[in-house]
Amino acid sequence: MAKESSHEAHAVGVHRVVVIVDENSNPFELGCATEVFGLRRPEIGRDLYHFRLCSPEPRTAMRDGFFTLTGVAGLEVADTADTLIVPNRPDVEVPRRPAVLDAVRRAHARGARLMGFCSGAFTLAEAGVLDGRRAAAHWQWADAFRARFPAVHLESDVLFVDDGDILTAAGSAAALDLGLHVVRRDHGAEVANSVSRRLVFAAHRDGGQRQFVERPVPDIPDESLAPVLAWAQERLDSPLTVSDLATRAAVSPATLHRRFRAQLGTTPLTWLTGERLALACRLIERGESRLEIVARRSGLGTATNLRLLMRRDTGITPSAYKRRFGPGVS
């Protein structure tokens, strides 16, 4: 494997993402990081990240000896990262290498953003950077994590936690959710949507959604929400209500709530608001500066409501969002 993504080897001013790979690391989460941060994006027209892997050893045996990683840069590359993704392993009770923990501490001390996928939260906690902070980890390790790291505020039933400069995701697919969340935070909703389309993955699942949802084998008739979701997405500028969605799905509002909880891990109103806010962000990115127009076309009603929801969801105002992600911003 090449030491760095060759198309970005000479990138100047591009955000540098480095993944530490250690013995027994999980290939899936490594693949998620590579897919989100490491691939070229010709459809976008610019490089989003400069992506590299590094390891404390020249040869790294991946989980259960599935394969051995060679040709990867040394651990010193971690000191160049703007975002450092820490190793995750299924053997959570085994201490991490001191050299890896030191690299994490150095990155944190100089202000780099830290990310942990799945059991990566154990690496961050062992390095001492999560004390007093919020974090997510796979639900099956919640009790073990709390027992070892009582100073960390573990949120064991969410997809991911964004605590500013430290972000953690629960198991497996939640790594993609967190990765796309970071792309959205760095480059805006339009770019995140483009990346998600390439992945054929949901563009935005809120981090507060449950890690696991009930998915019983469906009876006939099919109870999938896909038709009503597609119908609603085409009518976000209309005054849709939960009752409207229930009527379209030919069920009662209570049944609709149960299906949303079971299939999406959220409520109809939360989903609808999230879709409208994502549309509002895309409209701003495409150049619409009149907030009343953005609010009306996205179904959010008023500019005041738009400002409130954008600040809550993105942490910045619509005007700041436009300066950061609007037309002409590269």
Protein backbone atom coordinates (compact mmCIF):
# COMPACT_ATOMS: atom_id res chain seq x y z
CA MET A 1 0.00 0.00 0.00
CA ALA A 2 1.29 3.45 -0.87
CA LYS A 3 2.41 5.61 2.01
CA GLU A 4 0.06 8.39 1.04
CA SER A 5 -2.63 9.10 -1.49
CA SER A 6 -0.50 10.09 -4.48
CA HIS A 7 -3.00 12.57 -5.90
CA GLU A 8 -2.59 14.65 -2.74
CA ALA A 9 1.10 14.15 -2.12
CA HIS A 10 1.90 17.75 -2.98
CA ALA A 11 -1.36 19.36 -1.90
CA VAL A 12 -0.84 22.74 -0.30
CA GLY A 13 -3.19 24.01 2.37
CA VAL A 14 -5.41 20.90 2.25
CA HIS A 15 -6.62 19.55 5.59
CA ARG A 16 -4.41 16.62 6.57
CA VAL A 17 -6.13 13.47 7.85
CA VAL A 18 -3.92 10.76 9.30
CA VAL A 19 -5.08 7.32 10.44
CA ILE A 20 -3.00 5.36 12.93
CA VAL A 21 -3.17 1.65 12.21
CA ASP A 22 -2.04 -0.65 15.00
CA GLU A 23 -1.87 -4.40 15.43
CA ASN A 24 -5.31 -6.07 15.33
CA SER A 25 -7.01 -2.94 13.99
CA ASN A 26 -10.40 -3.44 12.32
CA PRO A 27 -10.28 -3.34 8.49
CA PHE A 28 -13.86 -2.07 8.17
CA GLU A 29 -13.32 1.20 10.02
CA LEU A 30 -10.04 1.71 8.16
CA GLY A 31 -12.00 1.26 4.93
CA CYS A 32 -14.58 3.81 6.09
CA ALA A 33 -11.87 6.40 6.77
CA THR A 34 -10.30 5.72 3.37
CA GLU A 35 -13.62 5.96 1.51
CA VAL A 36 -14.62 9.26 3.14
CA PHE A 37 -11.28 11.07 3.43
CA GLY A 38 -8.88 9.32 1.06
CA LEU A 39 -10.50 9.11 -2.37
CA ARG A 40 -10.27 11.59 -5.19
CA ARG A 41 -13.41 13.63 -5.82
CA PRO A 42 -13.33 14.60 -9.52
CA GLU A 43 -17.07 15.30 -9.39
CA ILE A 44 -16.36 18.05 -6.84
CA GLY A 45 -13.37 19.44 -8.71
CA ARG A 46 -10.94 19.75 -5.82
CA ASP A 47 -9.24 17.69 -3.16
CA LEU A 48 -11.00 17.76 0.18
CA TYR A 49 -8.31 16.12 2.30
CA HIS A 50 -4.70 15.00 2.26
CA PHE A 51 -4.93 11.43 3.56
CA ARG A 52 -2.20 9.19 4.98
CA LEU A 53 -1.86 6.05 7.04
CA CYS A 54 0.82 5.47 9.63
CA SER A 55 1.76 2.69 12.00
CA PRO A 56 4.21 2.13 14.86
CA GLU A 57 5.58 -0.96 13.07
CA PRO A 58 6.76 -1.66 9.49
CA ARG A 59 4.39 -4.64 9.32
CA THR A 60 0.96 -4.48 10.94
CA ALA A 61 -1.23 -7.58 11.28
CA MET A 62 -4.86 -6.54 10.96
CA ARG A 63 -7.72 -8.04 12.95
CA ASP A 64 -7.50 -11.81 13.41
CA GLY A 65 -4.62 -11.93 10.93
CA PHE A 66 -6.89 -11.33 7.94
CA PHE A 67 -4.01 -9.57 6.20
CA THR A 68 -0.79 -7.73 6.97
CA LEU A 69 -0.32 -4.06 6.14
CA THR A 70 3.11 -3.02 4.87
CA GLY A 71 4.63 0.01 3.17
CA VAL A 72 2.86 2.40 5.56
CA ALA A 73 4.56 5.52 6.93
CA GLY A 74 5.96 5.58 10.45
CA LEU A 75 4.19 6.97 13.48
CA GLU A 76 5.96 10.32 13.11
CA VAL A 77 3.42 11.20 10.39
CA ALA A 78 0.80 11.50 13.14
CA ASP A 79 2.57 14.70 14.20
CA THR A 80 1.58 16.32 10.87
CA ALA A 81 -2.16 15.63 11.18
CA ASP A 82 -4.86 18.27 11.34
CA THR A 83 -7.24 15.41 12.08
CA LEU A 84 -5.93 12.23 13.68
CA ILE A 85 -8.03 9.06 13.57
CA VAL A 86 -6.91 6.70 16.32
CA PRO A 87 -6.71 2.90 16.06
CA ASN A 88 -9.66 0.75 17.03
CA ARG A 89 -9.38 -2.92 17.95
CA PRO A 90 -11.70 -5.64 19.23
CA ASP A 91 -9.32 -6.55 22.09
CA VAL A 92 -10.39 -3.56 24.18
CA GLU A 93 -8.87 -4.96 27.37
CA VAL A 94 -5.33 -4.97 25.92
CA PRO A 95 -3.43 -1.72 26.63
CA ARG A 96 -2.48 0.38 23.61
CA ARG A 97 1.16 0.92 22.76
CA PRO A 98 2.74 3.79 24.71
CA ALA A 99 4.05 5.25 21.45
CA VAL A 100 0.51 5.40 20.04
CA LEU A 101 -0.87 7.01 23.19
CA ASP A 102 1.94 9.56 23.18
CA ALA A 103 1.13 10.43 19.55
CA VAL A 104 -2.51 10.99 20.51
CA ARG A 105 -1.52 13.21 23.44
CA ARG A 106 0.82 15.27 21.27
CA ALA A 107 -1.86 15.77 18.64
CA HIS A 108 -4.36 16.87 21.27
CA ALA A 109 -1.85 19.26 22.88
CA ARG A 110 -1.19 21.06 19.60
CA GLY A 111 -4.90 21.40 18.80
CA ALA A 112 -5.45 18.68 16.22
CA ARG A 113 -8.92 17.22 15.85
CA LEU A 114 -9.17 13.66 17.18
CA MET A 115 -11.54 10.97 15.93
CA GLY A 116 -12.25 7.49 17.23
CA PHE A 117 -14.36 4.88 15.46
CA CYS A 118 -16.01 2.11 17.51
CA SER A 119 -13.46 0.91 20.10
CA GLY A 120 -11.25 3.87 19.18
CA ALA A 121 -12.88 5.56 22.17
CA PHE A 122 -10.80 3.22 24.35
CA THR A 123 -7.61 4.55 22.73
CA LEU A 124 -8.63 8.16 23.34
CA ALA A 125 -9.67 7.44 26.92
CA GLU A 126 -6.48 5.54 27.65
CA ALA A 127 -4.50 8.52 26.37
CA GLY A 128 -6.33 10.65 28.94
CA VAL A 129 -7.81 13.13 26.47
CA LEU A 130 -11.45 12.17 27.12
CA ASP A 131 -11.59 12.86 30.85
CA GLY A 132 -14.60 15.07 31.53
CA ARG A 133 -15.64 14.84 27.88
CA ARG A 134 -18.55 13.23 26.05
CA ALA A 135 -17.94 10.15 23.93
CA ALA A 136 -19.63 7.32 22.04
CA ALA A 137 -18.62 3.68 21.79
CA HIS A 138 -20.20 0.44 20.65
CA TRP A 139 -23.06 -0.55 22.94
CA GLN A 140 -21.61 -4.01 23.66
CA TRP A 141 -18.58 -2.41 25.36
CA ALA A 142 -20.46 0.27 27.30
CA ASP A 143 -20.18 -1.43 30.71
CA ALA A 144 -16.48 -2.24 30.25
CA PHE A 145 -15.77 1.31 29.12
CA ARG A 146 -17.55 2.91 32.07
CA ALA A 147 -15.77 0.61 34.50
CA ARG A 148 -12.34 1.53 33.13
CA PHE A 149 -12.92 5.21 32.42
CA PRO A 150 -15.45 6.62 34.91
CA ALA A 151 -14.29 10.20 34.22
CA VAL A 152 -15.62 10.00 30.63
CA HIS A 153 -19.28 10.80 29.95
CA LEU A 154 -20.16 7.84 27.72
CA GLU A 155 -23.31 8.11 25.61
CA SER A 156 -23.82 4.47 24.79
CA ASP A 157 -27.02 4.68 22.73
CA VAL A 158 -26.11 7.21 20.03
CA LEU A 159 -24.48 6.88 16.62
CA PHE A 160 -21.73 9.40 17.29
CA VAL A 161 -20.74 12.29 19.53
CA ASP A 162 -19.28 15.57 18.26
CA ASP A 163 -17.58 17.19 21.24
CA GLY A 164 -15.80 19.85 19.24
CA ASP A 165 -12.18 18.80 18.80
CA ILE A 166 -12.83 15.16 19.79
CA LEU A 167 -15.37 13.09 17.87
CA THR A 168 -16.27 9.46 18.48
CA ALA A 169 -18.55 7.00 16.70
CA ALA A 170 -20.21 3.77 17.72
CA GLY A 171 -19.55 0.56 15.81
CA SER A 172 -19.13 -0.15 12.13
CA ALA A 173 -21.50 1.87 9.92
CA ALA A 174 -21.59 4.73 12.43
CA ALA A 175 -18.02 5.44 11.28
CA LEU A 176 -19.50 6.47 7.93
CA ASP A 177 -22.10 8.62 9.68
CA LEU A 178 -19.39 10.42 11.62
CA GLY A 179 -17.15 10.75 8.58
CA LEU A 180 -19.92 12.36 6.55
CA HIS A 181 -20.77 14.58 9.51
CA VAL A 182 -17.17 15.83 9.50
CA VAL A 183 -17.26 16.43 5.72
CA ARG A 184 -20.49 18.37 6.22
CA ARG A 185 -18.89 20.37 9.04
CA ASP A 186 -15.77 21.09 6.98
CA HIS A 187 -17.20 21.61 3.50
CA GLY A 188 -20.98 22.05 3.77
CA ALA A 189 -24.08 20.03 2.98
CA GLU A 190 -23.70 20.06 -0.82
CA VAL A 191 -20.24 18.47 -0.72
CA ALA A 192 -21.33 15.99 1.95
CA ASN A 193 -24.28 15.00 -0.24
CA SER A 194 -21.92 14.45 -3.17
CA VAL A 195 -19.69 12.20 -1.07
CA SER A 196 -22.69 10.28 0.27
CA ARG A 197 -24.00 9.71 -3.25
CA ARG A 198 -20.64 8.24 -4.20
CA LEU A 199 -20.91 5.96 -1.16
CA VAL A 200 -24.61 5.20 -1.83
CA PHE A 201 -25.15 6.04 1.83
CA ALA A 202 -27.51 8.31 3.75
CA ALA A 203 -26.22 11.86 3.57
CA HIS A 204 -27.09 12.79 7.12
CA ARG A 205 -28.14 10.75 10.13
CA ASP A 206 -28.12 12.79 13.28
CA GLY A 207 -25.60 11.63 15.87
CA GLY A 208 -28.29 11.41 18.52
CA GLN A 209 -30.08 8.60 16.73
CA ARG A 210 -30.02 5.21 18.40
CA GLN A 211 -27.18 2.80 17.58
CA PHE A 212 -29.51 -0.09 16.88
CA VAL A 213 -33.13 -0.11 15.77
CA GLU A 214 -35.73 -2.84 15.72
CA ARG A 215 -35.97 -4.41 12.28
CA PRO A 216 -38.25 -7.44 12.49
CA VAL A 217 -38.84 -9.53 9.39
CA PRO A 218 -41.66 -7.59 7.73
CA ASP A 219 -45.07 -9.09 7.17
CA ILE A 220 -47.02 -8.45 4.02
CA PRO A 221 -47.90 -5.69 3.23
CA ASP A 222 -44.45 -4.06 3.11
CA GLU A 223 -44.10 -1.45 5.87
CA SER A 224 -41.05 0.30 4.43
CA LEU A 225 -40.97 4.06 4.92
CA ALA A 226 -39.11 4.62 1.64
CA PRO A 227 -42.16 5.68 -0.43
CA VAL A 228 -43.42 8.24 2.07
CA LEU A 229 -39.89 9.58 2.64
CA ALA A 230 -39.39 10.09 -1.10
CA TRP A 231 -42.81 11.74 -1.37
CA ALA A 232 -42.03 14.14 1.48
CA GLN A 233 -38.57 15.04 0.15
CA GLU A 234 -40.20 16.31 -3.05
CA ARG A 235 -42.55 18.55 -1.03
CA LEU A 236 -40.36 20.05 1.69
CA ASP A 237 -41.53 23.56 0.79
CA SER A 238 -45.12 22.58 1.54
CA PRO A 239 -46.59 22.84 5.05
CA LEU A 240 -46.24 19.11 5.72
CA THR A 241 -47.20 17.77 9.11
CA VAL A 242 -46.83 14.40 10.78
CA SER A 243 -50.53 13.84 10.04
CA ASP A 244 -49.84 14.47 6.34
CA LEU A 245 -47.10 11.85 6.38
CA ALA A 246 -49.34 9.39 8.18
CA THR A 247 -52.14 9.97 5.68
CA ARG A 248 -49.76 9.41 2.78
CA ALA A 249 -48.55 6.18 4.40
CA ALA A 250 -52.18 5.16 5.07
CA VAL A 251 -51.54 4.63 8.77
CA SER A 252 -52.36 6.43 12.00
CA PRO A 253 -49.88 9.00 13.40
CA ALA A 254 -49.13 6.59 16.27
CA THR A 255 -48.27 3.78 13.83
CA LEU A 256 -46.12 6.17 11.80
CA HIS A 257 -44.20 7.12 14.94
CA ARG A 258 -43.60 3.45 15.74
CA ARG A 259 -42.31 2.77 12.22
CA PHE A 260 -39.99 5.78 12.28
CA ARG A 261 -38.60 4.66 15.63
CA ALA A 262 -38.16 1.09 14.43
CA GLN A 263 -36.72 1.83 10.98
CA LEU A 264 -34.88 5.15 11.41
CA GLY A 265 -34.40 5.48 15.17
CA THR A 266 -35.98 8.95 15.19
CA THR A 267 -39.38 10.69 15.08
CA PRO A 268 -41.21 11.89 11.95
CA LEU A 269 -40.93 15.54 13.03
CA THR A 270 -37.20 15.29 13.75
CA TRP A 271 -36.60 13.63 10.38
CA LEU A 272 -38.69 16.24 8.55
CA THR A 273 -36.90 19.13 10.24
CA GLY A 274 -33.51 17.62 9.45
CA GLU A 275 -34.40 17.23 5.76
CA ARG A 276 -35.64 20.82 5.59
CA LEU A 277 -32.52 22.15 7.25
CA ALA A 278 -30.30 20.17 4.87
CA LEU A 279 -32.22 21.71 1.94
CA ALA A 280 -31.77 25.18 3.45
CA CYS A 281 -28.03 24.63 3.68
CA ARG A 282 -27.89 23.53 0.04
CA LEU A 283 -29.84 26.59 -1.07
CA ILE A 284 -27.39 28.88 0.75
CA GLU A 285 -24.44 27.04 -0.76
CA ARG A 286 -25.94 27.51 -4.22
CA GLY A 287 -26.11 31.28 -3.74
CA GLU A 288 -29.50 32.16 -2.28
CA SER A 289 -28.78 34.90 0.27
CA ARG A 290 -32.34 36.01 1.06
CA LEU A 291 -33.12 34.17 4.27
CA GLU A 292 -36.87 34.56 3.95
CA ILE A 293 -36.68 32.84 0.54
CA VAL A 294 -34.46 30.07 1.93
CA ALA A 295 -36.82 29.55 4.84
CA ARG A 296 -39.90 29.44 2.61
CA ARG A 297 -38.39 27.12 -0.03
CA SER A 298 -37.09 24.71 2.59
CA GLY A 299 -40.34 24.64 4.54
CA LEU A 300 -38.83 26.20 7.66
CA GLY A 301 -41.28 29.10 7.58
CA THR A 302 -39.44 32.21 8.75
CA ALA A 303 -35.92 33.56 8.75
CA THR A 304 -36.04 33.60 12.54
CA ASN A 305 -36.78 29.86 12.64
CA LEU A 306 -34.07 29.25 10.06
CA ARG A 307 -31.48 31.12 12.14
CA LEU A 308 -32.48 29.24 15.28
CA LEU A 309 -32.29 25.79 13.68
CA MET A 310 -29.07 26.46 11.78
CA ARG A 311 -27.30 27.67 14.89
CA ARG A 312 -28.57 24.63 16.79
CA ASP A 313 -27.57 22.14 14.10
CA THR A 314 -24.39 23.64 12.62
CA GLY A 315 -23.25 25.92 15.42
CA ILE A 316 -23.12 28.97 13.13
CA THR A 317 -25.53 31.54 11.71
CA PRO A 318 -26.82 31.46 8.11
CA SER A 319 -24.58 34.41 7.20
CA ALA A 320 -21.53 32.67 8.65
CA TYR A 321 -22.54 29.50 6.81
CA LYS A 322 -22.68 31.44 3.54
CA ARG A 323 -19.22 32.92 4.12
CA ARG A 324 -17.83 29.47 4.79
CA PHE A 325 -19.65 27.38 2.16
CA GLY A 326 -21.24 29.80 -0.30
CA PRO A 327 -20.49 30.14 -4.03
CA GLY A 328 -16.90 30.89 -4.84
CA VAL A 329 -15.55 29.50 -1.59
CA SER A 330 -12.89 26.87 -2.24
